[in-house]
N, C-alpha and C. Protein backbone atom coordinates (compact mmCIF):
# COMPACT_ATOMS: atom_id res chain seq x y z
N MET A 1 -1.26 -17.48 18.95
CA MET A 1 -0.43 -16.57 19.73
C MET A 1 0.25 -15.57 18.83
N PHE A 2 0.67 -15.98 17.67
CA PHE A 2 1.31 -15.03 16.71
C PHE A 2 0.41 -13.82 16.43
N LYS A 3 -0.83 -14.11 16.06
CA LYS A 3 -1.80 -13.02 15.75
C LYS A 3 -1.99 -12.16 16.96
N THR A 4 -2.12 -12.72 18.15
CA THR A 4 -2.28 -11.98 19.39
C THR A 4 -1.14 -11.05 19.59
N GLY A 5 0.08 -11.56 19.38
CA GLY A 5 1.28 -10.77 19.53
C GLY A 5 1.33 -9.61 18.60
N ILE A 6 0.92 -9.86 17.30
CA ILE A 6 0.89 -8.78 16.29
C ILE A 6 -0.15 -7.73 16.69
N ALA A 7 -1.31 -8.17 17.11
CA ALA A 7 -2.34 -7.22 17.46
C ALA A 7 -1.88 -6.36 18.68
N ALA A 8 -1.24 -6.98 19.66
CA ALA A 8 -0.71 -6.18 20.78
C ALA A 8 0.29 -5.18 20.34
N LEU A 9 1.19 -5.63 19.46
CA LEU A 9 2.24 -4.72 18.91
C LEU A 9 1.62 -3.55 18.22
N LEU A 10 0.62 -3.79 17.42
CA LEU A 10 -0.07 -2.75 16.66
C LEU A 10 -0.76 -1.68 17.63
N VAL A 11 -1.34 -2.21 18.67
CA VAL A 11 -1.95 -1.30 19.65
C VAL A 11 -0.89 -0.44 20.33
N ILE A 12 0.25 -1.04 20.66
CA ILE A 12 1.30 -0.24 21.27
C ILE A 12 1.89 0.74 20.26
N ALA A 13 2.08 0.33 19.01
CA ALA A 13 2.74 1.17 17.99
C ALA A 13 1.80 2.35 17.53
N ALA A 14 0.50 2.07 17.47
CA ALA A 14 -0.43 3.12 17.00
C ALA A 14 -0.57 4.25 18.06
N THR A 15 -0.52 5.47 17.56
CA THR A 15 -0.75 6.58 18.53
C THR A 15 -2.26 6.88 18.59
N ALA A 16 -2.61 7.72 19.51
CA ALA A 16 -4.03 8.05 19.70
C ALA A 16 -4.62 8.54 18.41
N GLY A 17 -5.81 8.08 18.06
CA GLY A 17 -6.50 8.50 16.88
C GLY A 17 -6.07 7.80 15.60
N GLN A 18 -5.16 6.76 15.69
CA GLN A 18 -4.78 6.07 14.50
C GLN A 18 -5.36 4.69 14.48
N ALA A 19 -5.61 4.20 13.28
CA ALA A 19 -5.99 2.80 13.08
C ALA A 19 -5.23 2.27 11.89
N ILE A 20 -4.66 1.14 11.97
CA ILE A 20 -3.86 0.55 10.89
C ILE A 20 -4.75 -0.24 9.97
N CYS A 21 -4.72 0.11 8.65
CA CYS A 21 -5.52 -0.56 7.66
C CYS A 21 -4.63 -1.25 6.62
N GLY A 22 -3.50 -1.74 7.03
CA GLY A 22 -2.54 -2.37 6.08
C GLY A 22 -3.07 -3.65 5.47
N VAL A 23 -2.39 -4.14 4.50
CA VAL A 23 -2.78 -5.37 3.82
C VAL A 23 -2.65 -6.57 4.75
N GLU A 24 -3.62 -7.45 4.75
CA GLU A 24 -3.71 -8.58 5.64
C GLU A 24 -2.98 -9.79 5.03
N PHE A 25 -1.66 -9.70 4.97
CA PHE A 25 -0.90 -10.78 4.33
C PHE A 25 -0.93 -12.07 5.11
N ASP A 26 -1.17 -11.98 6.44
CA ASP A 26 -1.27 -13.22 7.19
C ASP A 26 -2.48 -14.03 6.85
N GLN A 27 -3.41 -13.43 6.13
CA GLN A 27 -4.67 -14.10 5.69
C GLN A 27 -4.59 -14.51 4.22
N MET A 28 -3.57 -14.03 3.57
CA MET A 28 -3.46 -14.17 2.07
C MET A 28 -2.54 -15.34 1.71
N PRO A 29 -3.02 -16.18 0.83
CA PRO A 29 -2.11 -17.29 0.34
C PRO A 29 -1.01 -16.75 -0.54
N VAL A 30 0.18 -17.33 -0.38
CA VAL A 30 1.28 -17.00 -1.28
C VAL A 30 0.82 -17.36 -2.71
N GLY A 31 1.12 -16.46 -3.67
CA GLY A 31 0.73 -16.66 -5.04
C GLY A 31 -0.57 -15.93 -5.38
N CYS A 32 -1.26 -15.42 -4.40
CA CYS A 32 -2.44 -14.59 -4.60
C CYS A 32 -2.05 -13.38 -5.44
N SER A 33 -2.82 -13.08 -6.52
CA SER A 33 -2.50 -11.92 -7.31
C SER A 33 -3.76 -11.12 -7.65
N TRP A 34 -3.57 -9.94 -8.04
CA TRP A 34 -4.69 -9.02 -8.37
C TRP A 34 -4.26 -8.07 -9.47
N ALA A 35 -5.24 -7.61 -10.32
CA ALA A 35 -4.87 -6.77 -11.44
C ALA A 35 -5.40 -5.34 -11.21
N THR A 36 -4.65 -4.36 -11.54
CA THR A 36 -5.12 -2.93 -11.36
C THR A 36 -4.97 -2.21 -12.66
N LYS A 37 -6.06 -1.55 -13.06
CA LYS A 37 -6.05 -0.72 -14.25
C LYS A 37 -6.09 0.70 -13.83
N TYR A 38 -5.13 1.54 -14.40
CA TYR A 38 -5.00 2.90 -14.11
C TYR A 38 -5.50 3.81 -15.31
N THR A 39 -5.96 4.98 -15.02
CA THR A 39 -6.44 5.82 -16.05
C THR A 39 -5.35 6.28 -17.01
N ASN A 40 -4.07 6.14 -16.63
CA ASN A 40 -2.99 6.52 -17.56
C ASN A 40 -2.70 5.44 -18.57
N GLY A 41 -3.43 4.32 -18.46
CA GLY A 41 -3.26 3.18 -19.39
C GLY A 41 -2.48 2.01 -18.84
N ASN A 42 -1.79 2.22 -17.71
CA ASN A 42 -1.08 1.07 -17.09
C ASN A 42 -2.12 0.03 -16.65
N PHE A 43 -1.70 -1.24 -16.85
CA PHE A 43 -2.49 -2.41 -16.43
C PHE A 43 -1.50 -3.33 -15.82
N TRP A 44 -1.49 -3.43 -14.48
CA TRP A 44 -0.45 -4.16 -13.73
C TRP A 44 -1.08 -5.29 -12.96
N ARG A 45 -0.27 -6.43 -12.79
CA ARG A 45 -0.71 -7.54 -11.93
C ARG A 45 0.35 -7.63 -10.83
N GLU A 46 -0.18 -7.59 -9.55
CA GLU A 46 0.68 -7.74 -8.41
C GLU A 46 0.42 -9.04 -7.74
N THR A 47 1.54 -9.72 -7.31
CA THR A 47 1.47 -11.06 -6.74
C THR A 47 2.19 -11.07 -5.40
N TYR A 48 1.51 -11.63 -4.40
CA TYR A 48 2.17 -11.85 -3.08
C TYR A 48 3.16 -13.04 -3.24
N THR A 49 4.44 -12.77 -2.99
CA THR A 49 5.42 -13.82 -3.16
C THR A 49 5.87 -14.47 -1.89
N GLY A 50 5.42 -13.97 -0.76
CA GLY A 50 5.76 -14.58 0.53
C GLY A 50 6.50 -13.61 1.43
N ARG A 51 6.98 -14.19 2.51
CA ARG A 51 7.71 -13.41 3.49
C ARG A 51 9.22 -13.62 3.29
N LYS A 52 9.98 -12.53 3.22
CA LYS A 52 11.43 -12.62 3.03
C LYS A 52 12.10 -11.55 3.88
N GLY A 53 13.06 -12.04 4.68
CA GLY A 53 13.88 -11.06 5.47
C GLY A 53 12.99 -10.28 6.45
N GLY A 54 11.91 -10.91 6.99
CA GLY A 54 11.07 -10.19 7.95
C GLY A 54 10.01 -9.34 7.33
N PHE A 55 9.93 -9.31 5.98
CA PHE A 55 8.95 -8.45 5.30
C PHE A 55 8.02 -9.29 4.45
N PHE A 56 6.79 -8.83 4.25
CA PHE A 56 5.92 -9.43 3.25
C PHE A 56 6.30 -8.79 1.95
N VAL A 57 6.37 -9.55 0.84
CA VAL A 57 6.84 -9.06 -0.41
C VAL A 57 5.86 -9.34 -1.53
N THR A 58 5.67 -8.29 -2.41
CA THR A 58 4.90 -8.45 -3.60
C THR A 58 5.73 -8.07 -4.82
N GLU A 59 5.42 -8.64 -5.96
CA GLU A 59 6.06 -8.26 -7.20
C GLU A 59 4.96 -7.90 -8.19
N THR A 60 5.26 -6.83 -8.94
CA THR A 60 4.31 -6.30 -9.88
C THR A 60 4.87 -6.42 -11.32
N VAL A 61 4.05 -6.90 -12.26
CA VAL A 61 4.47 -7.00 -13.63
C VAL A 61 3.39 -6.29 -14.50
N ASP A 62 3.78 -5.97 -15.70
CA ASP A 62 2.82 -5.46 -16.67
C ASP A 62 1.89 -6.61 -17.02
N ALA A 63 0.57 -6.44 -16.82
CA ALA A 63 -0.40 -7.49 -17.05
C ALA A 63 -0.48 -7.94 -18.51
N LYS A 64 -0.08 -7.05 -19.42
CA LYS A 64 -0.12 -7.43 -20.87
C LYS A 64 1.15 -8.11 -21.33
N THR A 65 2.29 -7.60 -20.90
CA THR A 65 3.57 -8.09 -21.44
C THR A 65 4.35 -9.02 -20.49
N GLY A 66 4.00 -8.97 -19.16
CA GLY A 66 4.71 -9.78 -18.19
C GLY A 66 6.04 -9.09 -17.72
N ASP A 67 6.33 -7.90 -18.27
CA ASP A 67 7.61 -7.19 -17.88
C ASP A 67 7.57 -6.79 -16.42
N PHE A 68 8.67 -6.93 -15.72
CA PHE A 68 8.79 -6.55 -14.33
C PHE A 68 8.60 -5.05 -14.18
N ILE A 69 7.80 -4.66 -13.22
CA ILE A 69 7.57 -3.26 -12.88
C ILE A 69 8.23 -2.90 -11.55
N SER A 70 7.88 -3.62 -10.46
CA SER A 70 8.46 -3.27 -9.17
C SER A 70 8.31 -4.41 -8.18
N ARG A 71 9.03 -4.25 -7.05
CA ARG A 71 8.98 -5.18 -5.88
C ARG A 71 8.68 -4.25 -4.70
N LYS A 72 7.71 -4.70 -3.85
CA LYS A 72 7.38 -3.91 -2.64
C LYS A 72 7.63 -4.76 -1.39
N LYS A 73 8.05 -4.06 -0.34
CA LYS A 73 8.20 -4.71 0.97
C LYS A 73 7.25 -4.02 1.91
N PHE A 74 6.58 -4.84 2.73
CA PHE A 74 5.62 -4.41 3.73
C PHE A 74 5.99 -4.92 5.08
N ASN A 75 5.78 -4.14 6.17
CA ASN A 75 6.11 -4.52 7.51
C ASN A 75 5.06 -5.52 8.05
N ALA A 76 5.18 -5.91 9.32
CA ALA A 76 4.25 -6.90 9.93
C ALA A 76 2.85 -6.44 9.91
N ALA A 77 2.59 -5.08 9.91
CA ALA A 77 1.20 -4.58 9.89
C ALA A 77 0.65 -4.47 8.48
N GLY A 78 1.44 -4.85 7.44
CA GLY A 78 1.01 -4.73 6.10
C GLY A 78 1.14 -3.35 5.47
N LEU A 79 1.99 -2.52 6.07
CA LEU A 79 2.26 -1.17 5.57
C LEU A 79 3.55 -1.15 4.76
N MET A 80 3.53 -0.47 3.59
CA MET A 80 4.64 -0.44 2.73
C MET A 80 5.83 0.34 3.31
N VAL A 81 7.04 -0.28 3.21
CA VAL A 81 8.25 0.37 3.67
C VAL A 81 9.23 0.58 2.56
N GLU A 82 9.11 -0.12 1.44
CA GLU A 82 10.07 0.04 0.38
C GLU A 82 9.43 -0.40 -0.96
N ARG A 83 9.85 0.28 -2.04
CA ARG A 83 9.51 -0.12 -3.40
C ARG A 83 10.69 0.04 -4.30
N VAL A 84 11.08 -1.02 -5.05
CA VAL A 84 12.20 -1.00 -5.95
C VAL A 84 11.60 -1.21 -7.33
N TRP A 85 11.83 -0.22 -8.22
CA TRP A 85 11.32 -0.24 -9.57
C TRP A 85 12.31 -0.89 -10.56
N ASP A 86 11.80 -1.31 -11.65
CA ASP A 86 12.71 -1.85 -12.73
C ASP A 86 13.78 -0.77 -12.97
N GLY A 87 14.97 -1.18 -13.25
CA GLY A 87 16.02 -0.21 -13.38
C GLY A 87 16.67 0.15 -12.07
N LYS A 88 16.21 -0.50 -11.00
CA LYS A 88 16.79 -0.36 -9.65
C LYS A 88 16.52 0.95 -8.95
N LYS A 89 15.65 1.80 -9.52
CA LYS A 89 15.24 2.97 -8.78
C LYS A 89 14.46 2.52 -7.54
N TRP A 90 14.63 3.22 -6.43
CA TRP A 90 13.98 2.81 -5.19
C TRP A 90 13.32 3.96 -4.46
N GLU A 91 12.37 3.59 -3.66
CA GLU A 91 11.69 4.53 -2.76
C GLU A 91 11.59 3.89 -1.36
N ARG A 92 11.80 4.68 -0.31
CA ARG A 92 11.67 4.12 1.07
C ARG A 92 10.73 5.04 1.85
N PHE A 93 9.99 4.42 2.75
CA PHE A 93 9.03 5.07 3.62
C PHE A 93 9.36 4.77 5.07
N ASN A 94 9.75 5.74 5.82
CA ASN A 94 10.25 5.51 7.21
C ASN A 94 9.38 6.19 8.22
N PRO A 95 8.77 5.56 9.19
CA PRO A 95 8.88 4.13 9.42
C PRO A 95 8.10 3.27 8.47
N TYR A 96 7.07 3.88 7.79
CA TYR A 96 6.26 3.17 6.76
C TYR A 96 5.43 4.24 6.09
N SER A 97 4.86 3.91 4.94
CA SER A 97 3.91 4.81 4.24
C SER A 97 2.64 4.92 5.06
N CYS A 98 2.23 6.09 5.38
CA CYS A 98 1.05 6.33 6.20
C CYS A 98 -0.25 6.25 5.40
N PHE A 99 -0.20 5.94 4.13
CA PHE A 99 -1.39 5.92 3.31
C PHE A 99 -2.51 5.06 3.89
N ASP A 100 -2.17 3.98 4.58
CA ASP A 100 -3.14 3.05 5.15
C ASP A 100 -3.30 3.23 6.63
N VAL A 101 -3.00 4.39 7.16
CA VAL A 101 -3.14 4.67 8.60
C VAL A 101 -4.23 5.72 8.80
N VAL A 102 -5.30 5.38 9.48
CA VAL A 102 -6.43 6.31 9.69
C VAL A 102 -6.02 7.18 10.88
N GLY A 103 -6.24 8.49 10.70
CA GLY A 103 -5.81 9.51 11.65
C GLY A 103 -4.61 10.26 11.07
N SER A 104 -3.94 10.91 11.99
CA SER A 104 -2.78 11.73 11.54
C SER A 104 -1.50 10.89 11.67
N CYS A 105 -0.62 11.05 10.68
CA CYS A 105 0.62 10.25 10.62
C CYS A 105 1.66 10.99 9.80
N GLU A 106 2.89 10.81 10.14
CA GLU A 106 3.98 11.39 9.37
C GLU A 106 5.02 10.33 9.06
N TYR A 107 5.60 10.44 7.87
CA TYR A 107 6.72 9.51 7.53
C TYR A 107 7.71 10.29 6.68
N THR A 108 8.92 9.69 6.58
CA THR A 108 9.99 10.30 5.71
C THR A 108 10.03 9.48 4.46
N TYR A 109 9.95 10.23 3.37
CA TYR A 109 10.06 9.54 2.01
C TYR A 109 11.45 9.88 1.47
N THR A 110 12.14 8.85 1.06
CA THR A 110 13.42 9.03 0.37
C THR A 110 13.41 8.19 -0.88
N ASN A 111 14.28 8.58 -1.86
CA ASN A 111 14.41 7.77 -3.05
C ASN A 111 15.83 7.80 -3.57
N GLY A 112 16.11 6.97 -4.55
CA GLY A 112 17.46 6.84 -5.12
C GLY A 112 17.90 8.04 -5.86
N ASP A 113 17.03 8.98 -6.18
CA ASP A 113 17.41 10.21 -6.91
C ASP A 113 17.82 11.32 -5.91
N GLY A 114 17.78 11.01 -4.60
CA GLY A 114 18.19 12.03 -3.59
C GLY A 114 17.10 12.77 -2.88
N ALA A 115 15.84 12.45 -3.26
CA ALA A 115 14.76 13.15 -2.53
C ALA A 115 14.64 12.66 -1.11
N ALA A 116 14.38 13.62 -0.22
CA ALA A 116 14.18 13.35 1.16
C ALA A 116 13.20 14.34 1.72
N GLN A 117 12.01 13.89 2.07
CA GLN A 117 11.00 14.84 2.59
C GLN A 117 10.05 14.14 3.58
N THR A 118 9.58 14.93 4.50
CA THR A 118 8.61 14.45 5.50
C THR A 118 7.24 14.69 4.89
N ILE A 119 6.43 13.64 4.94
CA ILE A 119 5.03 13.70 4.43
C ILE A 119 4.10 13.68 5.64
N VAL A 120 3.18 14.64 5.69
CA VAL A 120 2.17 14.66 6.71
C VAL A 120 0.88 14.14 6.05
N ASN A 121 0.29 13.18 6.68
CA ASN A 121 -0.84 12.42 6.17
C ASN A 121 -1.99 12.40 7.14
N SER A 122 -3.22 12.58 6.61
CA SER A 122 -4.37 12.43 7.47
C SER A 122 -5.41 11.65 6.67
N ALA A 123 -5.85 10.58 7.22
CA ALA A 123 -6.92 9.74 6.59
C ALA A 123 -8.11 9.63 7.52
N ARG A 124 -9.31 9.66 6.88
CA ARG A 124 -10.55 9.49 7.64
C ARG A 124 -11.48 8.56 6.85
N LYS A 125 -12.35 7.87 7.65
CA LYS A 125 -13.33 6.95 7.10
C LYS A 125 -14.28 7.79 6.23
N SER A 126 -14.60 7.27 5.06
CA SER A 126 -15.50 8.00 4.14
C SER A 126 -16.17 7.01 3.21
N GLY A 127 -17.52 6.80 3.45
CA GLY A 127 -18.24 5.80 2.60
C GLY A 127 -17.72 4.42 2.82
N LYS A 128 -17.38 3.70 1.76
CA LYS A 128 -16.92 2.33 1.88
C LYS A 128 -15.39 2.28 2.03
N GLY A 129 -14.79 3.46 2.22
CA GLY A 129 -13.35 3.48 2.28
C GLY A 129 -12.83 4.62 3.10
N TYR A 130 -11.79 5.26 2.57
CA TYR A 130 -11.10 6.36 3.29
C TYR A 130 -10.73 7.48 2.33
N THR A 131 -10.67 8.71 2.91
CA THR A 131 -10.14 9.83 2.17
C THR A 131 -8.83 10.21 2.82
N VAL A 132 -7.84 10.42 2.00
CA VAL A 132 -6.52 10.80 2.50
C VAL A 132 -6.18 12.20 2.02
N LYS A 133 -5.67 13.00 2.96
CA LYS A 133 -5.12 14.32 2.66
C LYS A 133 -3.68 14.25 3.07
N ALA A 134 -2.78 14.69 2.18
CA ALA A 134 -1.38 14.62 2.47
C ALA A 134 -0.69 15.83 1.88
N ARG A 135 0.48 16.16 2.47
CA ARG A 135 1.28 17.25 1.98
C ARG A 135 2.72 17.07 2.47
N VAL A 136 3.63 17.76 1.80
CA VAL A 136 4.99 17.80 2.25
C VAL A 136 4.96 18.69 3.47
N LYS A 137 5.59 18.26 4.60
CA LYS A 137 5.59 19.04 5.78
C LYS A 137 6.12 20.46 5.50
N GLY A 138 5.27 21.47 5.84
CA GLY A 138 5.63 22.84 5.56
C GLY A 138 5.56 23.27 4.12
N GLY A 139 4.97 22.45 3.27
CA GLY A 139 5.00 22.68 1.85
C GLY A 139 3.74 22.30 1.11
N GLU A 140 3.90 21.92 -0.13
CA GLU A 140 2.81 21.66 -1.01
C GLU A 140 1.85 20.59 -0.59
N LYS A 141 0.59 20.77 -0.90
CA LYS A 141 -0.46 19.81 -0.62
C LYS A 141 -0.62 18.92 -1.86
N PHE A 142 -0.80 17.67 -1.66
CA PHE A 142 -1.06 16.74 -2.75
C PHE A 142 -2.59 16.70 -3.01
N PRO A 143 -3.05 16.28 -4.14
CA PRO A 143 -4.46 16.14 -4.34
C PRO A 143 -5.07 15.09 -3.37
N ASP A 144 -6.21 15.36 -2.83
CA ASP A 144 -6.90 14.42 -1.92
C ASP A 144 -7.12 13.10 -2.71
N GLU A 145 -7.05 11.96 -2.00
CA GLU A 145 -7.34 10.72 -2.64
C GLU A 145 -8.44 10.02 -1.83
N HIS A 146 -9.28 9.29 -2.53
CA HIS A 146 -10.24 8.42 -1.85
C HIS A 146 -9.98 6.95 -2.34
N PHE A 147 -10.04 6.05 -1.45
CA PHE A 147 -9.89 4.66 -1.81
C PHE A 147 -10.84 3.78 -0.99
N ASP A 148 -11.26 2.68 -1.67
CA ASP A 148 -12.11 1.65 -1.00
C ASP A 148 -11.30 0.44 -0.86
N LEU A 149 -11.53 -0.32 0.19
CA LEU A 149 -10.80 -1.55 0.49
C LEU A 149 -11.66 -2.77 0.12
N GLY A 150 -10.98 -3.86 -0.30
CA GLY A 150 -11.60 -5.08 -0.63
C GLY A 150 -10.95 -6.25 0.10
N PRO A 151 -10.90 -7.41 -0.50
CA PRO A 151 -10.35 -8.63 0.11
C PRO A 151 -8.93 -8.35 0.62
N PHE A 152 -8.63 -8.85 1.80
CA PHE A 152 -7.30 -8.78 2.44
C PHE A 152 -6.87 -7.36 2.70
N GLY A 153 -7.82 -6.42 2.72
CA GLY A 153 -7.48 -5.02 3.02
C GLY A 153 -6.81 -4.37 1.79
N LEU A 154 -6.92 -4.95 0.63
CA LEU A 154 -6.36 -4.39 -0.59
C LEU A 154 -7.22 -3.25 -1.10
N MET A 155 -6.56 -2.26 -1.66
CA MET A 155 -7.30 -1.11 -2.31
C MET A 155 -7.94 -1.67 -3.62
N VAL A 156 -9.28 -1.49 -3.70
CA VAL A 156 -9.96 -2.00 -4.92
C VAL A 156 -10.39 -0.84 -5.82
N SER A 157 -10.37 0.37 -5.28
CA SER A 157 -10.60 1.54 -6.12
C SER A 157 -9.86 2.72 -5.46
N ASN A 158 -9.42 3.62 -6.33
CA ASN A 158 -8.64 4.79 -5.83
C ASN A 158 -8.88 5.89 -6.82
N ARG A 159 -9.15 7.13 -6.32
CA ARG A 159 -9.38 8.23 -7.22
C ARG A 159 -8.86 9.51 -6.53
N SER A 160 -8.39 10.37 -7.42
CA SER A 160 -7.96 11.69 -6.95
C SER A 160 -8.21 12.65 -8.15
N ALA A 161 -7.85 13.88 -8.01
CA ALA A 161 -8.05 14.87 -9.05
C ALA A 161 -7.27 14.52 -10.35
N ASN A 162 -6.15 13.77 -10.26
CA ASN A 162 -5.31 13.55 -11.42
C ASN A 162 -5.23 12.11 -11.91
N TYR A 163 -5.93 11.16 -11.23
CA TYR A 163 -5.97 9.81 -11.74
C TYR A 163 -6.99 8.98 -11.02
N SER A 164 -7.26 7.76 -11.53
CA SER A 164 -8.03 6.79 -10.74
C SER A 164 -7.53 5.36 -11.12
N ALA A 165 -7.90 4.46 -10.31
CA ALA A 165 -7.50 3.00 -10.48
C ALA A 165 -8.54 2.13 -9.99
N ALA A 166 -8.70 0.95 -10.60
CA ALA A 166 -9.58 -0.08 -10.18
C ALA A 166 -8.91 -1.39 -10.13
N THR A 167 -9.10 -2.14 -9.06
CA THR A 167 -8.45 -3.46 -8.83
C THR A 167 -9.45 -4.57 -8.80
N GLY A 168 -9.12 -5.70 -9.41
CA GLY A 168 -9.98 -6.89 -9.44
C GLY A 168 -9.15 -8.03 -9.98
N GLY A 169 -9.83 -8.94 -10.64
CA GLY A 169 -9.13 -10.03 -11.30
C GLY A 169 -8.29 -10.84 -10.34
N PHE A 170 -8.80 -11.15 -9.16
CA PHE A 170 -8.08 -11.91 -8.18
C PHE A 170 -7.86 -13.32 -8.69
N LYS A 171 -6.61 -13.87 -8.53
CA LYS A 171 -6.28 -15.18 -8.89
C LYS A 171 -5.47 -15.81 -7.76
N GLY A 172 -5.75 -17.11 -7.50
CA GLY A 172 -5.00 -17.87 -6.52
C GLY A 172 -5.11 -17.31 -5.12
N CYS A 173 -6.25 -16.68 -4.82
CA CYS A 173 -6.49 -15.99 -3.55
C CYS A 173 -7.49 -16.75 -2.69
N GLY A 174 -8.11 -17.82 -3.23
CA GLY A 174 -9.17 -18.49 -2.50
C GLY A 174 -10.48 -17.68 -2.61
N LEU A 175 -10.56 -16.78 -3.57
CA LEU A 175 -11.75 -15.99 -3.79
C LEU A 175 -12.25 -16.25 -5.17
N GLU A 176 -13.49 -15.96 -5.39
CA GLU A 176 -14.03 -16.02 -6.78
C GLU A 176 -13.52 -14.70 -7.43
N SER A 177 -13.25 -14.82 -8.73
CA SER A 177 -12.72 -13.65 -9.41
C SER A 177 -13.67 -12.50 -9.33
N SER A 178 -13.11 -11.34 -9.13
CA SER A 178 -13.95 -10.12 -9.00
C SER A 178 -13.38 -8.99 -9.84
């Protein structure tokens, strides 16, 4: 019944032309982790730590040193609503980051440095994943991004004009390492 209730809520919440592609935390075991390598040299391991305060929570550490990088909160649909970085810098996405929403979507991005802007996002199915076009409402366009999804709806590859990332090395997920 819980899954049925969530599915009904998502249908009501999604507007015409949208599909939610958030992380499937309800299918993921607590302790599941994955490693992501970025072209800038970052190599991070993210771990699902469970549900806290009504949110699904992950923590990210440097895969080489174990140093804390950030903590993310996701809503019931698996869409990111907050990220707190080491040093207590924070970012919020209201009502959620639209990165994983297929179709047109807007959200307000705020951070601890005083930034506040509306982001207009459009994502469409492309190959094994999605292509995202985004811009500040009435302003600058961000580089297009393409991403492919893997286990639990996690992004396993991401690329744009200025970077790329690859995710694998799943541990404690009930999957064979990939």
